[in-house]
Amino acid sequence: MAKIEKLELAAHRNDIIEDVSNLIEKYRTIFGWDVPDIDEKLAKNLIVDEVRQALDNINNE
């Protein structure tokens, strides 16, 4: 990656992290609505795994 792209990415890194965290929280909340006695840590891990898979799929397109 060229230096300018790395600098631009670094400038947005915190925004990306915040957006992904919000996405994980969105789906964790939905899980909580659908499953009353949910194991929140397990649900979060499952969601993170799905997001990783989705990112891999996007990266491979």
N, C-alpha and C. Protein backbone atom coordinates (compact mmCIF):
# COMPACT_ATOMS: atom_id res chain seq x y z
N MET A 1 0.86 -1.18 0.00
CA MET A 1 0.00 0.00 0.00
C MET A 1 0.90 1.23 0.00
N ALA A 2 0.57 2.18 -0.81
CA ALA A 2 1.35 3.41 -0.89
C ALA A 2 1.22 4.22 0.40
N LYS A 3 2.19 5.07 0.62
CA LYS A 3 2.22 5.84 1.86
C LYS A 3 0.96 6.70 2.05
N ILE A 4 0.49 7.34 0.99
CA ILE A 4 -0.68 8.22 1.11
C ILE A 4 -1.92 7.43 1.52
N GLU A 5 -2.07 6.23 1.00
CA GLU A 5 -3.23 5.39 1.38
C GLU A 5 -3.13 4.98 2.85
N LYS A 6 -1.93 4.68 3.31
CA LYS A 6 -1.75 4.33 4.73
C LYS A 6 -2.08 5.51 5.63
N LEU A 7 -1.67 6.69 5.23
CA LEU A 7 -1.98 7.88 6.02
C LEU A 7 -3.48 8.15 6.05
N GLU A 8 -4.13 7.99 4.91
CA GLU A 8 -5.57 8.21 4.85
C GLU A 8 -6.31 7.18 5.71
N LEU A 9 -5.89 5.94 5.63
CA LEU A 9 -6.51 4.90 6.44
C LEU A 9 -6.31 5.19 7.93
N ALA A 10 -5.12 5.59 8.30
CA ALA A 10 -4.84 5.90 9.71
C ALA A 10 -5.74 7.02 10.21
N ALA A 11 -6.03 7.98 9.35
CA ALA A 11 -6.89 9.10 9.73
C ALA A 11 -8.32 8.64 10.02
N HIS A 12 -8.73 7.52 9.45
CA HIS A 12 -10.10 7.03 9.61
C HIS A 12 -10.20 5.79 10.50
N ARG A 13 -9.08 5.33 11.00
CA ARG A 13 -9.05 4.07 11.76
C ARG A 13 -10.05 4.07 12.93
N ASN A 14 -10.05 5.12 13.73
CA ASN A 14 -10.96 5.17 14.88
C ASN A 14 -12.43 5.15 14.45
N ASP A 15 -12.73 5.80 13.34
CA ASP A 15 -14.11 5.79 12.82
C ASP A 15 -14.51 4.38 12.39
N ILE A 16 -13.60 3.68 11.75
CA ILE A 16 -13.88 2.31 11.31
C ILE A 16 -14.12 1.42 12.51
N ILE A 17 -13.27 1.54 13.52
CA ILE A 17 -13.43 0.73 14.73
C ILE A 17 -14.77 1.02 15.40
N GLU A 18 -15.12 2.29 15.49
CA GLU A 18 -16.40 2.66 16.11
C GLU A 18 -17.58 2.12 15.30
N ASP A 19 -17.51 2.23 13.98
CA ASP A 19 -18.60 1.72 13.13
C ASP A 19 -18.77 0.21 13.28
N VAL A 20 -17.67 -0.52 13.30
CA VAL A 20 -17.75 -1.98 13.45
C VAL A 20 -18.29 -2.34 14.83
N SER A 21 -17.84 -1.64 15.86
CA SER A 21 -18.35 -1.89 17.21
C SER A 21 -19.85 -1.64 17.27
N ASN A 22 -20.30 -0.57 16.64
CA ASN A 22 -21.74 -0.29 16.61
C ASN A 22 -22.51 -1.36 15.86
N LEU A 23 -21.93 -1.88 14.79
CA LEU A 23 -22.57 -2.95 14.04
C LEU A 23 -22.71 -4.21 14.90
N ILE A 24 -21.65 -4.57 15.61
CA ILE A 24 -21.68 -5.74 16.50
C ILE A 24 -22.75 -5.54 17.57
N GLU A 25 -22.79 -4.35 18.17
CA GLU A 25 -23.78 -4.06 19.21
C GLU A 25 -25.20 -4.11 18.66
N LYS A 26 -25.39 -3.63 17.44
CA LYS A 26 -26.72 -3.68 16.81
C LYS A 26 -27.23 -5.11 16.76
N TYR A 27 -26.40 -6.02 16.27
CA TYR A 27 -26.84 -7.41 16.13
C TYR A 27 -26.89 -8.14 17.46
N ARG A 28 -26.04 -7.75 18.42
CA ARG A 28 -26.12 -8.34 19.75
C ARG A 28 -27.45 -7.97 20.40
N THR A 29 -27.88 -6.75 20.18
CA THR A 29 -29.17 -6.30 20.71
C THR A 29 -30.31 -7.07 20.07
N ILE A 30 -30.25 -7.28 18.77
CA ILE A 30 -31.28 -8.05 18.07
C ILE A 30 -31.33 -9.48 18.61
N PHE A 31 -30.17 -10.09 18.82
CA PHE A 31 -30.12 -11.43 19.42
C PHE A 31 -30.84 -11.41 20.76
N GLY A 32 -30.57 -10.39 21.58
CA GLY A 32 -31.19 -10.28 22.90
C GLY A 32 -32.70 -10.18 22.83
N TRP A 33 -33.22 -9.51 21.80
CA TRP A 33 -34.67 -9.41 21.64
C TRP A 33 -35.26 -10.77 21.29
N ASP A 34 -34.55 -11.52 20.45
CA ASP A 34 -35.07 -12.80 19.96
C ASP A 34 -34.86 -13.95 20.92
N VAL A 35 -33.85 -13.87 21.77
CA VAL A 35 -33.51 -14.96 22.68
C VAL A 35 -33.41 -14.38 24.09
N PRO A 36 -34.46 -14.53 24.90
CA PRO A 36 -34.51 -13.86 26.21
C PRO A 36 -33.33 -14.18 27.16
N ASP A 37 -32.93 -15.43 27.25
CA ASP A 37 -31.87 -15.81 28.19
C ASP A 37 -30.54 -16.03 27.47
N ILE A 38 -30.21 -15.12 26.60
CA ILE A 38 -29.04 -15.28 25.75
C ILE A 38 -27.73 -15.14 26.53
N ASP A 39 -26.74 -15.91 26.13
CA ASP A 39 -25.38 -15.76 26.61
C ASP A 39 -24.76 -14.65 25.77
N GLU A 40 -24.68 -13.44 26.32
CA GLU A 40 -24.27 -12.28 25.54
C GLU A 40 -22.84 -12.40 25.02
N LYS A 41 -21.94 -12.98 25.79
CA LYS A 41 -20.56 -13.15 25.34
C LYS A 41 -20.51 -14.09 24.14
N LEU A 42 -21.23 -15.20 24.22
CA LEU A 42 -21.29 -16.15 23.11
C LEU A 42 -21.92 -15.49 21.89
N ALA A 43 -23.01 -14.78 22.09
CA ALA A 43 -23.68 -14.10 20.97
C ALA A 43 -22.72 -13.12 20.30
N LYS A 44 -22.01 -12.34 21.11
CA LYS A 44 -21.05 -11.38 20.55
C LYS A 44 -19.98 -12.10 19.74
N ASN A 45 -19.45 -13.19 20.26
CA ASN A 45 -18.42 -13.94 19.54
C ASN A 45 -18.95 -14.51 18.23
N LEU A 46 -20.17 -15.00 18.24
CA LEU A 46 -20.77 -15.52 17.01
C LEU A 46 -20.96 -14.42 15.97
N ILE A 47 -21.38 -13.26 16.42
CA ILE A 47 -21.58 -12.13 15.51
C ILE A 47 -20.24 -11.67 14.94
N VAL A 48 -19.23 -11.57 15.79
CA VAL A 48 -17.90 -11.18 15.32
C VAL A 48 -17.39 -12.17 14.27
N ASP A 49 -17.61 -13.46 14.51
CA ASP A 49 -17.20 -14.48 13.53
C ASP A 49 -17.92 -14.28 12.19
N GLU A 50 -19.20 -13.95 12.23
CA GLU A 50 -19.96 -13.70 11.00
C GLU A 50 -19.45 -12.47 10.27
N VAL A 51 -19.14 -11.43 11.02
CA VAL A 51 -18.61 -10.21 10.41
C VAL A 51 -17.26 -10.52 9.76
N ARG A 52 -16.43 -11.31 10.43
CA ARG A 52 -15.14 -11.70 9.84
C ARG A 52 -15.35 -12.46 8.53
N GLN A 53 -16.30 -13.38 8.54
CA GLN A 53 -16.60 -14.15 7.33
C GLN A 53 -17.10 -13.23 6.22
N ALA A 54 -17.96 -12.29 6.57
CA ALA A 54 -18.47 -11.34 5.58
C ALA A 54 -17.32 -10.50 5.01
N LEU A 55 -16.41 -10.07 5.86
CA LEU A 55 -15.25 -9.29 5.39
C LEU A 55 -14.36 -10.12 4.48
N ASP A 56 -14.16 -11.39 4.83
CA ASP A 56 -13.38 -12.27 3.96
C ASP A 56 -14.05 -12.43 2.60
N ASN A 57 -15.37 -12.59 2.60
CA ASN A 57 -16.11 -12.72 1.34
C ASN A 57 -15.97 -11.46 0.50
N ILE A 58 -16.09 -10.30 1.13
CA ILE A 58 -15.97 -9.03 0.42
C ILE A 58 -14.54 -8.89 -0.12
N ASN A 59 -13.57 -9.24 0.69
CA ASN A 59 -12.17 -9.14 0.28
C ASN A 59 -11.86 -10.05 -0.90
N ASN A 60 -12.53 -11.18 -1.00
CA ASN A 60 -12.27 -12.14 -2.06
C ASN A 60 -13.06 -11.88 -3.34
N GLU A 61 -13.94 -10.89 -3.31
CA GLU A 61 -14.73 -10.57 -4.52
C GLU A 61 -13.87 -9.96 -5.59
